[in-house]
Amino acid sequence: MRTSPIVAASALIAVAVLVATASPGTGQAPGTIEPLDSSAFTRLVMPPIDAATTTPTQGTVANPADPAERLVELGVAPVPTARPRLAAPLLSTPRLAVGVLVKPTPRPAQPAGSGSGAGSGSGWARAEYSWYGPGFYGNGTACGQTYSKTILGVAHKTLPCGTRVTLRNPKNGRSITVKVIDRGPYVAGRMWDLSYATCSYLDNCYTSVIQYRIR
């Protein structure tokens, strides 16, 4: 016949109660706490704090005097402490607005065949001239005449033959109207080459400046 589990458990509890109450002289009533002995503890004294040991050796410095000593966290862009200064614009090189077109000032046009330009406000133009005579008498001109000491006319490089030109000597005011009868002069800077009779009438058979009008 098997023993019931309830009977076995009851037997174990009874044995435990007997063991606990076997020596009542050395036991302690439940629910009581004995006072602690103060001599069992040792008082600890903390050493004084040294200011040198409290200075941090690592970490971020709070508001250092020199901005260059400030630590910057890795991976973070530094924040500027002041607004950057802009360079002053150059006053000697003004800039033009976009879309502005600068056109050069046109020069006044000179009369056709002019050389040194106009003279006074009377409408006369001025140019250098010379004259030719000895060595050419008896030769044919470019316009078909026979050149002589008495022929009136003037030579020009491009004006058509027969073009009437009024010449004036600015030194004495004498003037004469003649035709283009030949080509020349072939000297750089000169515009007219007068016949001997023409320069004799103007009383200036030299190389000089003369006034003229093309008719």
C-alpha atoms as a PDB file:
ATOM      1  CA  MET A   1       0.000   0.000   0.000  1.00  0.00           C
ATOM      2  CA  ARG A   2       1.441   3.450  -1.099  1.00  0.00           C
ATOM      3  CA  THR A   3       1.893   6.381   1.363  1.00  0.00           C
ATOM      4  CA  SER A   4      -0.196   9.420   0.537  1.00  0.00           C
ATOM      5  CA  PRO A   5       1.851  12.533  -0.537  1.00  0.00           C
ATOM      6  CA  ILE A   6      -0.098  14.676   1.893  1.00  0.00           C
ATOM      7  CA  VAL A   7       0.891  12.469   4.828  1.00  0.00           C
ATOM      8  CA  ALA A   8       4.574  12.608   3.824  1.00  0.00           C
ATOM      9  CA  ALA A   9       4.572  16.390   3.589  1.00  0.00           C
ATOM     10  CA  SER A  10       2.927  16.717   6.989  1.00  0.00           C
ATOM     11  CA  ALA A  11       5.618  14.524   8.537  1.00  0.00           C
ATOM     12  CA  LEU A  12       8.440  16.666   7.118  1.00  0.00           C
ATOM     13  CA  ILE A  13       6.861  19.870   8.483  1.00  0.00           C
ATOM     14  CA  ALA A  14       6.568  18.355  11.951  1.00  0.00           C
ATOM     15  CA  VAL A  15      10.229  17.346  11.978  1.00  0.00           C
ATOM     16  CA  ALA A  16      11.302  20.869  10.970  1.00  0.00           C
ATOM     17  CA  VAL A  17       9.285  22.413  13.811  1.00  0.00           C
ATOM     18  CA  LEU A  18      10.887  20.114  16.353  1.00  0.00           C
ATOM     19  CA  VAL A  19      14.396  21.003  15.175  1.00  0.00           C
ATOM     20  CA  ALA A  20      13.702  24.752  15.390  1.00  0.00           C
ATOM     21  CA  THR A  21      12.403  24.559  18.978  1.00  0.00           C
ATOM     22  CA  ALA A  22      15.018  22.109  20.222  1.00  0.00           C
ATOM     23  CA  SER A  23      17.296  24.809  21.898  1.00  0.00           C
ATOM     24  CA  PRO A  24      15.119  27.690  23.181  1.00  0.00           C
ATOM     25  CA  GLY A  25      17.981  29.148  25.307  1.00  0.00           C
ATOM     26  CA  THR A  26      20.095  30.241  22.317  1.00  0.00           C
ATOM     27  CA  GLY A  27      17.356  31.400  20.064  1.00  0.00           C
ATOM     28  CA  GLN A  28      16.020  34.943  19.516  1.00  0.00           C
ATOM     29  CA  ALA A  29      12.457  35.979  19.569  1.00  0.00           C
ATOM     30  CA  PRO A  30      11.212  36.696  16.097  1.00  0.00           C
ATOM     31  CA  GLY A  31      10.591  40.280  15.106  1.00  0.00           C
ATOM     32  CA  THR A  32      13.351  41.869  17.277  1.00  0.00           C
ATOM     33  CA  ILE A  33      16.544  43.739  16.040  1.00  0.00           C
ATOM     34  CA  GLU A  34      19.631  44.105  18.219  1.00  0.00           C
ATOM     35  CA  PRO A  35      21.339  47.587  18.371  1.00  0.00           C
ATOM     36  CA  LEU A  36      24.567  48.019  16.342  1.00  0.00           C
ATOM     37  CA  ASP A  37      27.923  48.519  18.082  1.00  0.00           C
ATOM     38  CA  SER A  38      29.498  51.867  17.010  1.00  0.00           C
ATOM     39  CA  SER A  39      32.999  50.591  17.801  1.00  0.00           C
ATOM     40  CA  ALA A  40      32.732  48.202  14.892  1.00  0.00           C
ATOM     41  CA  PHE A  41      32.925  51.114  12.376  1.00  0.00           C
ATOM     42  CA  THR A  42      36.005  53.255  11.441  1.00  0.00           C
ATOM     43  CA  ARG A  43      35.584  56.964  10.547  1.00  0.00           C
ATOM     44  CA  LEU A  44      37.017  57.935   7.150  1.00  0.00           C
ATOM     45  CA  VAL A  45      38.590  61.395   6.637  1.00  0.00           C
ATOM     46  CA  MET A  46      38.622  62.752   3.037  1.00  0.00           C
ATOM     47  CA  PRO A  47      41.929  64.390   1.976  1.00  0.00           C
ATOM     48  CA  PRO A  48      41.801  68.144   1.019  1.00  0.00           C
ATOM     49  CA  ILE A  49      40.955  68.919  -2.586  1.00  0.00           C
ATOM     50  CA  ASP A  50      43.963  70.180  -4.571  1.00  0.00           C
ATOM     51  CA  ALA A  51      43.176  72.886  -7.138  1.00  0.00           C
ATOM     52  CA  ALA A  52      45.772  71.456  -9.503  1.00  0.00           C
ATOM     53  CA  THR A  53      43.983  68.127  -9.582  1.00  0.00           C
ATOM     54  CA  THR A  54      40.663  69.761 -10.408  1.00  0.00           C
ATOM     55  CA  THR A  55      41.935  71.419 -13.653  1.00  0.00           C
ATOM     56  CA  PRO A  56      40.514  69.456 -16.543  1.00  0.00           C
ATOM     57  CA  THR A  57      43.109  68.135 -18.981  1.00  0.00           C
ATOM     58  CA  GLN A  58      40.666  67.116 -21.652  1.00  0.00           C
ATOM     59  CA  GLY A  59      37.371  68.357 -22.965  1.00  0.00           C
ATOM     60  CA  THR A  60      36.136  71.662 -24.315  1.00  0.00           C
ATOM     61  CA  VAL A  61      37.558  74.913 -22.908  1.00  0.00           C
ATOM     62  CA  ALA A  62      34.771  77.315 -21.991  1.00  0.00           C
ATOM     63  CA  ASN A  63      35.249  80.734 -23.616  1.00  0.00           C
ATOM     64  CA  PRO A  64      39.084  80.943 -23.841  1.00  0.00           C
ATOM     65  CA  ALA A  65      40.705  84.353 -24.117  1.00  0.00           C
ATOM     66  CA  ASP A  66      42.349  83.535 -27.438  1.00  0.00           C
ATOM     67  CA  PRO A  67      39.857  82.475 -30.143  1.00  0.00           C
ATOM     68  CA  ALA A  68      42.614  80.366 -31.725  1.00  0.00           C
ATOM     69  CA  GLU A  69      42.671  78.145 -28.579  1.00  0.00           C
ATOM     70  CA  ARG A  70      39.037  77.150 -28.933  1.00  0.00           C
ATOM     71  CA  LEU A  71      38.516  73.498 -29.663  1.00  0.00           C
ATOM     72  CA  VAL A  72      36.363  72.539 -32.599  1.00  0.00           C
ATOM     73  CA  GLU A  73      34.407  69.332 -32.584  1.00  0.00           C
ATOM     74  CA  LEU A  74      35.431  66.987 -35.361  1.00  0.00           C
ATOM     75  CA  GLY A  75      33.060  66.915 -38.313  1.00  0.00           C
ATOM     76  CA  VAL A  76      31.396  70.251 -37.411  1.00  0.00           C
ATOM     77  CA  ALA A  77      32.053  73.424 -39.425  1.00  0.00           C
ATOM     78  CA  PRO A  78      33.450  76.292 -37.296  1.00  0.00           C
ATOM     79  CA  VAL A  79      31.145  79.207 -36.595  1.00  0.00           C
ATOM     80  CA  PRO A  80      32.605  82.616 -37.639  1.00  0.00           C
ATOM     81  CA  THR A  81      33.054  85.043 -34.769  1.00  0.00           C
ATOM     82  CA  ALA A  82      32.999  88.215 -36.911  1.00  0.00           C
ATOM     83  CA  ARG A  83      31.637  89.369 -40.265  1.00  0.00           C
ATOM     84  CA  PRO A  84      34.282  89.127 -43.038  1.00  0.00           C
ATOM     85  CA  ARG A  85      35.480  92.440 -44.474  1.00  0.00           C
ATOM     86  CA  LEU A  86      34.829  93.164 -48.124  1.00  0.00           C
ATOM     87  CA  ALA A  87      37.506  94.761 -50.302  1.00  0.00           C
ATOM     88  CA  ALA A  88      36.838  98.421 -51.135  1.00  0.00           C
ATOM     89  CA  PRO A  89      35.819  98.966 -54.802  1.00  0.00           C
ATOM     90  CA  LEU A  90      38.343 100.605 -57.100  1.00  0.00           C
ATOM     91  CA  LEU A  91      37.222 104.138 -57.839  1.00  0.00           C
ATOM     92  CA  SER A  92      39.581 104.439 -60.815  1.00  0.00           C
ATOM     93  CA  THR A  93      37.860 101.652 -62.790  1.00  0.00           C
ATOM     94  CA  PRO A  94      34.101 102.327 -62.930  1.00  0.00           C
ATOM     95  CA  ARG A  95      31.989  99.457 -64.105  1.00  0.00           C
ATOM     96  CA  LEU A  96      29.524  99.849 -66.917  1.00  0.00           C
ATOM     97  CA  ALA A  97      25.974  98.651 -66.586  1.00  0.00           C
ATOM     98  CA  VAL A  98      25.051  95.466 -68.394  1.00  0.00           C
ATOM     99  CA  GLY A  99      23.733  96.116 -71.883  1.00  0.00           C
ATOM    100  CA  VAL A 100      25.332  99.576 -72.289  1.00  0.00           C
ATOM    101  CA  LEU A 101      27.040 100.020 -75.647  1.00  0.00           C
ATOM    102  CA  VAL A 102      29.786 102.630 -75.807  1.00  0.00           C
ATOM    103  CA  LYS A 103      30.211 104.187 -79.241  1.00  0.00           C
ATOM    104  CA  PRO A 104      33.269 106.211 -80.235  1.00  0.00           C
ATOM    105  CA  THR A 105      32.791 109.868 -81.073  1.00  0.00           C
ATOM    106  CA  PRO A 106      32.780 110.184 -84.883  1.00  0.00           C
ATOM    107  CA  ARG A 107      35.315 112.486 -86.472  1.00  0.00           C
ATOM    108  CA  PRO A 108      34.085 115.273 -88.728  1.00  0.00           C
ATOM    109  CA  ALA A 109      34.366 114.401 -92.390  1.00  0.00           C
ATOM    110  CA  GLN A 110      36.845 116.373 -94.465  1.00  0.00           C
ATOM    111  CA  PRO A 111      36.050 117.730 -97.894  1.00  0.00           C
ATOM    112  CA  ALA A 112      36.862 115.514-100.824  1.00  0.00           C
ATOM    113  CA  GLY A 113      40.520 115.689-101.737  1.00  0.00           C
ATOM    114  CA  SER A 114      41.468 117.627 -98.601  1.00  0.00           C
ATOM    115  CA  GLY A 115      44.871 117.250 -97.064  1.00  0.00           C
ATOM    116  CA  SER A 116      45.639 119.059 -93.823  1.00  0.00           C
ATOM    117  CA  GLY A 117      41.984 119.933 -93.159  1.00  0.00           C
ATOM    118  CA  ALA A 118      39.967 123.131 -93.162  1.00  0.00           C
ATOM    119  CA  GLY A 119      41.517 126.517 -92.458  1.00  0.00           C
ATOM    120  CA  SER A 120      39.469 129.309 -90.922  1.00  0.00           C
ATOM    121  CA  GLY A 121      35.690 129.405 -90.736  1.00  0.00           C
ATOM    122  CA  SER A 122      35.512 130.933 -94.244  1.00  0.00           C
ATOM    123  CA  GLY A 123      35.280 127.499 -95.890  1.00  0.00           C
ATOM    124  CA  TRP A 124      38.889 127.240 -97.064  1.00  0.00           C
ATOM    125  CA  ALA A 125      40.786 124.000 -96.723  1.00  0.00           C
ATOM    126  CA  ARG A 126      44.532 123.869 -96.194  1.00  0.00           C
ATOM    127  CA  ALA A 127      47.158 121.545 -97.651  1.00  0.00           C
ATOM    128  CA  GLU A 128      50.829 121.432 -98.532  1.00  0.00           C
ATOM    129  CA  TYR A 129      51.854 122.184-102.108  1.00  0.00           C
ATOM    130  CA  SER A 130      54.888 122.492-104.367  1.00  0.00           C
ATOM    131  CA  TRP A 131      55.459 123.652-107.931  1.00  0.00           C
ATOM    132  CA  TYR A 132      57.201 122.208-110.988  1.00  0.00           C
ATOM    133  CA  GLY A 133      58.689 123.946-114.071  1.00  0.00           C
ATOM    134  CA  PRO A 134      62.191 123.533-115.554  1.00  0.00           C
ATOM    135  CA  GLY A 135      62.736 120.115-117.071  1.00  0.00           C
ATOM    136  CA  PHE A 136      59.006 119.654-117.832  1.00  0.00           C
ATOM    137  CA  TYR A 137      58.467 122.402-120.399  1.00  0.00           C
ATOM    138  CA  GLY A 138      57.423 121.027-123.758  1.00  0.00           C
ATOM    139  CA  ASN A 139      56.265 117.676-122.298  1.00  0.00           C
ATOM    140  CA  GLY A 140      52.689 116.476-122.511  1.00  0.00           C
ATOM    141  CA  THR A 141      50.549 116.502-119.329  1.00  0.00           C
ATOM    142  CA  ALA A 142      48.407 113.617-118.111  1.00  0.00           C
ATOM    143  CA  CYS A 143      45.307 115.499-119.256  1.00  0.00           C
ATOM    144  CA  GLY A 144      46.536 116.045-122.860  1.00  0.00           C
ATOM    145  CA  GLN A 145      47.942 119.586-122.736  1.00  0.00           C
ATOM    146  CA  THR A 146      51.487 120.668-123.563  1.00  0.00           C
ATOM    147  CA  TYR A 147      53.193 121.913-120.451  1.00  0.00           C
ATOM    148  CA  SER A 148      54.790 125.335-120.769  1.00  0.00           C
ATOM    149  CA  LYS A 149      56.041 128.221-118.660  1.00  0.00           C
ATOM    150  CA  THR A 150      52.837 130.173-119.181  1.00  0.00           C
ATOM    151  CA  ILE A 151      50.178 127.505-118.739  1.00  0.00           C
ATOM    152  CA  LEU A 152      47.864 127.921-115.740  1.00  0.00           C
ATOM    153  CA  GLY A 153      46.915 124.760-113.956  1.00  0.00           C
ATOM    154  CA  VAL A 154      47.571 122.405-111.090  1.00  0.00           C
ATOM    155  CA  ALA A 155      48.430 118.734-110.737  1.00  0.00           C
ATOM    156  CA  HIS A 156      46.536 116.353-108.408  1.00  0.00           C
ATOM    157  CA  LYS A 157      46.778 112.598-107.847  1.00  0.00           C
ATOM    158  CA  THR A 158      43.093 111.651-108.193  1.00  0.00           C
ATOM    159  CA  LEU A 159      40.809 114.568-109.125  1.00  0.00           C
ATOM    160  CA  PRO A 160      39.416 114.275-112.663  1.00  0.00           C
ATOM    161  CA  CYS A 161      41.059 116.337-115.368  1.00  0.00           C
ATOM    162  CA  GLY A 162      39.372 119.689-115.827  1.00  0.00           C
ATOM    163  CA  THR A 163      38.232 119.947-112.171  1.00  0.00           C
ATOM    164  CA  ARG A 164      38.210 123.621-111.184  1.00  0.00           C
ATOM    165  CA  VAL A 165      40.126 124.507-108.037  1.00  0.00           C
ATOM    166  CA  THR A 166      40.452 127.913-106.407  1.00  0.00           C
ATOM    167  CA  LEU A 167      43.858 128.442-104.758  1.00  0.00           C
ATOM    168  CA  ARG A 168      44.630 131.210-102.257  1.00  0.00           C
ATOM    169  CA  ASN A 169      47.880 132.402-100.756  1.00  0.00           C
ATOM    170  CA  PRO A 170      47.169 132.971 -97.021  1.00  0.00           C
ATOM    171  CA  LYS A 171      50.180 135.282 -96.715  1.00  0.00           C
ATOM    172  CA  ASN A 172      48.975 137.963 -99.147  1.00  0.00           C
ATOM    173  CA  GLY A 173      45.330 137.012 -99.789  1.00  0.00           C
ATOM    174  CA  ARG A 174      45.756 136.557-103.561  1.00  0.00           C
ATOM    175  CA  SER A 175      43.663 133.784-105.152  1.00  0.00           C
ATOM    176  CA  ILE A 176      43.236 132.185-108.584  1.00  0.00           C
ATOM    177  CA  THR A 177      40.927 129.551-110.089  1.00  0.00           C
ATOM    178  CA  VAL A 178      42.606 126.955-112.329  1.00  0.00           C
ATOM    179  CA  LYS A 179      41.925 123.477-113.713  1.00  0.00           C
ATOM    180  CA  VAL A 180      43.533 120.140-112.979  1.00  0.00           C
ATOM    181  CA  ILE A 181      45.897 119.509-115.918  1.00  0.00           C
ATOM    182  CA  ASP A 182      48.321 116.871-114.644  1.00  0.00           C
ATOM    183  CA  ARG A 183      49.055 114.153-112.037  1.00  0.00           C
ATOM    184  CA  GLY A 184      51.222 114.698-109.009  1.00  0.00           C
ATOM    185  CA  PRO A 185      52.914 115.541-106.796  1.00  0.00           C
ATOM    186  CA  TYR A 186      54.636 112.237-105.976  1.00  0.00           C
ATOM    187  CA  VAL A 187      56.048 113.333-102.634  1.00  0.00           C
ATOM    188  CA  ALA A 188      54.493 112.083 -99.390  1.00  0.00           C
ATOM    189  CA  GLY A 189      52.485 114.722 -97.541  1.00  0.00           C
ATOM    190  CA  ARG A 190      51.945 117.063-100.517  1.00  0.00           C
ATOM    191  CA  MET A 191      48.554 117.484-102.175  1.00  0.00           C
ATOM    192  CA  TRP A 192      49.013 120.049-104.978  1.00  0.00           C
ATOM    193  CA  ASP A 193      51.700 120.669-107.593  1.00  0.00           C
ATOM    194  CA  LEU A 194      51.281 124.136-109.137  1.00  0.00           C
ATOM    195  CA  SER A 195      52.463 125.174-112.559  1.00  0.00           C
ATOM    196  CA  TYR A 196      55.046 127.936-112.759  1.00  0.00           C
ATOM    197  CA  ALA A 197      52.543 130.480-114.055  1.00  0.00           C
ATOM    198  CA  THR A 198      50.087 129.663-111.226  1.00  0.00           C
ATOM    199  CA  CYS A 199      52.582 129.993-108.382  1.00  0.00           C
ATOM    200  CA  SER A 200      53.987 133.155-109.959  1.00  0.00           C
ATOM    201  CA  TYR A 201      50.529 134.741-109.932  1.00  0.00           C
ATOM    202  CA  LEU A 202      50.132 133.831-106.232  1.00  0.00           C
ATOM    203  CA  ASP A 203      53.617 135.243-105.626  1.00  0.00           C
ATOM    204  CA  ASN A 204      54.742 132.137-103.776  1.00  0.00           C
ATOM    205  CA  CYS A 205      56.785 129.685-105.851  1.00  0.00           C
ATOM    206  CA  TYR A 206      57.964 127.700-102.846  1.00  0.00           C
ATOM    207  CA  THR A 207      57.000 124.595-100.915  1.00  0.00           C
ATOM    208  CA  SER A 208      54.489 125.708 -98.319  1.00  0.00           C
ATOM    209  CA  VAL A 209      50.826 125.557 -97.204  1.00  0.00           C
ATOM    210  CA  ILE A 210      48.058 126.897 -99.420  1.00  0.00           C
ATOM    211  CA  GLN A 211      44.299 127.348 -99.045  1.00  0.00           C
ATOM    212  CA  TYR A 212      41.970 125.806-101.573  1.00  0.00           C
ATOM    213  CA  ARG A 213      38.376 125.181-102.589  1.00  0.00           C
ATOM    214  CA  ILE A 214      37.261 122.505-105.030  1.00  0.00           C
ATOM    215  CA  ARG A 215      34.542 123.790-107.351  1.00  0.00           C
END
